[in-house]
């Protein structure tokens, strides 16, 4: 069962792998959080400032509902 743990975390996109449909965010605590591109609401690029939620999945913490910050930060 997946559980959302924290809403509206902030971070920066540090890696995008379009071929495999995934990427990595470094959050405000310097923690690397993985995400799937199908959980991204906006078009992002490397170094995009984003907000997201954290979800605990079988593989560990994953970012979901990833979107551009656009003044939210």
C-alpha atoms as a PDB file:
ATOM      1  CA  UNK A   1       0.000   0.000   0.000  1.00  0.00           C
ATOM      2  CA  UNK A   2       1.316   3.450  -0.922  1.00  0.00           C
ATOM      3  CA  UNK A   3       1.065   6.259   1.607  1.00  0.00           C
ATOM      4  CA  UNK A   4       1.673   9.967   1.006  1.00  0.00           C
ATOM      5  CA  UNK A   5       3.907  11.183   3.802  1.00  0.00           C
ATOM      6  CA  UNK A   6       4.665  14.876   3.258  1.00  0.00           C
ATOM      7  CA  UNK A   7       2.969  17.374   0.959  1.00  0.00           C
ATOM      8  CA  UNK A   8       4.659  20.246  -0.837  1.00  0.00           C
ATOM      9  CA  UNK A   9       8.313  19.431  -0.362  1.00  0.00           C
ATOM     10  CA  UNK A  10      10.692  21.630  -2.339  1.00  0.00           C
ATOM     11  CA  UNK A  11      13.676  20.665  -4.425  1.00  0.00           C
ATOM     12  CA  UNK A  12      15.640  20.817  -7.661  1.00  0.00           C
ATOM     13  CA  UNK A  13      15.722  18.320 -10.519  1.00  0.00           C
ATOM     14  CA  UNK A  14      19.290  16.978 -10.742  1.00  0.00           C
ATOM     15  CA  UNK A  15      18.810  14.130 -13.213  1.00  0.00           C
ATOM     16  CA  UNK A  16      16.295  13.194 -15.911  1.00  0.00           C
ATOM     17  CA  UNK A  17      16.412   9.921 -17.839  1.00  0.00           C
ATOM     18  CA  UNK A  18      13.812  10.311 -20.597  1.00  0.00           C
ATOM     19  CA  UNK A  19      14.630   6.900 -22.051  1.00  0.00           C
ATOM     20  CA  UNK A  20      13.693   5.102 -18.820  1.00  0.00           C
ATOM     21  CA  UNK A  21      11.053   7.630 -17.714  1.00  0.00           C
ATOM     22  CA  UNK A  22      12.570   8.578 -14.387  1.00  0.00           C
ATOM     23  CA  UNK A  23      14.669  11.168 -12.612  1.00  0.00           C
ATOM     24  CA  UNK A  24      16.121  12.362  -9.340  1.00  0.00           C
ATOM     25  CA  UNK A  25      15.310  15.380  -7.186  1.00  0.00           C
ATOM     26  CA  UNK A  26      17.503  16.744  -4.420  1.00  0.00           C
ATOM     27  CA  UNK A  27      15.233  18.162  -1.744  1.00  0.00           C
ATOM     28  CA  UNK A  28      15.777  20.939   0.789  1.00  0.00           C
ATOM     29  CA  UNK A  29      17.344  18.382   3.183  1.00  0.00           C
ATOM     30  CA  UNK A  30      19.927  17.358   0.538  1.00  0.00           C
ATOM     31  CA  UNK A  31      18.173  13.985   0.156  1.00  0.00           C
ATOM     32  CA  UNK A  32      17.953  12.329  -3.269  1.00  0.00           C
ATOM     33  CA  UNK A  33      14.352  11.416  -4.117  1.00  0.00           C
ATOM     34  CA  UNK A  34      13.515   9.406  -7.240  1.00  0.00           C
ATOM     35  CA  UNK A  35      10.479  10.115  -9.413  1.00  0.00           C
ATOM     36  CA  UNK A  36       8.756   8.724 -12.474  1.00  0.00           C
ATOM     37  CA  UNK A  37       8.115  11.107 -15.370  1.00  0.00           C
ATOM     38  CA  UNK A  38       4.471  10.012 -15.438  1.00  0.00           C
ATOM     39  CA  UNK A  39       4.133  11.664 -11.973  1.00  0.00           C
ATOM     40  CA  UNK A  40       5.187  15.070 -13.372  1.00  0.00           C
ATOM     41  CA  UNK A  41       2.432  17.604 -14.044  1.00  0.00           C
ATOM     42  CA  UNK A  42       4.561  20.216 -15.841  1.00  0.00           C
ATOM     43  CA  UNK A  43       7.363  20.170 -18.374  1.00  0.00           C
ATOM     44  CA  UNK A  44      10.575  20.152 -16.344  1.00  0.00           C
ATOM     45  CA  UNK A  45      14.251  20.406 -17.180  1.00  0.00           C
ATOM     46  CA  UNK A  46      17.469  19.934 -15.232  1.00  0.00           C
ATOM     47  CA  UNK A  47      17.703  22.412 -12.339  1.00  0.00           C
ATOM     48  CA  UNK A  48      13.955  23.116 -12.403  1.00  0.00           C
ATOM     49  CA  UNK A  49      12.682  24.375  -9.041  1.00  0.00           C
ATOM     50  CA  UNK A  50       9.828  22.082  -8.124  1.00  0.00           C
ATOM     51  CA  UNK A  51       7.400  21.097  -5.392  1.00  0.00           C
ATOM     52  CA  UNK A  52       6.249  17.543  -4.816  1.00  0.00           C
ATOM     53  CA  UNK A  53       4.808  15.046  -2.373  1.00  0.00           C
ATOM     54  CA  UNK A  54       6.639  12.065  -0.908  1.00  0.00           C
ATOM     55  CA  UNK A  55       5.124   8.615  -1.099  1.00  0.00           C
ATOM     56  CA  UNK A  56       6.428   5.481   0.597  1.00  0.00           C
ATOM     57  CA  UNK A  57       6.445   2.632  -1.930  1.00  0.00           C
ATOM     58  CA  UNK A  58       7.884  -0.880  -1.860  1.00  0.00           C
ATOM     59  CA  UNK A  59      11.218   0.474  -3.232  1.00  0.00           C
ATOM     60  CA  UNK A  60      11.395   3.334  -0.723  1.00  0.00           C
ATOM     61  CA  UNK A  61      10.577   7.037  -0.895  1.00  0.00           C
ATOM     62  CA  UNK A  62       9.345   8.331  -4.260  1.00  0.00           C
ATOM     63  CA  UNK A  63       8.303  11.832  -5.329  1.00  0.00           C
ATOM     64  CA  UNK A  64       4.767  12.124  -6.720  1.00  0.00           C
ATOM     65  CA  UNK A  65       2.653  15.031  -7.974  1.00  0.00           C
ATOM     66  CA  UNK A  66       5.833  16.747  -9.157  1.00  0.00           C
ATOM     67  CA  UNK A  67       5.236  20.251 -10.526  1.00  0.00           C
ATOM     68  CA  UNK A  68       7.089  23.477 -11.202  1.00  0.00           C
ATOM     69  CA  UNK A  69       7.259  25.756  -8.178  1.00  0.00           C
ATOM     70  CA  UNK A  70       6.144  28.879 -10.114  1.00  0.00           C
ATOM     71  CA  UNK A  71       6.214  31.199  -7.104  1.00  0.00           C
ATOM     72  CA  UNK A  72       5.239  28.538  -4.562  1.00  0.00           C
ATOM     73  CA  UNK A  73       8.739  28.479  -3.053  1.00  0.00           C
END
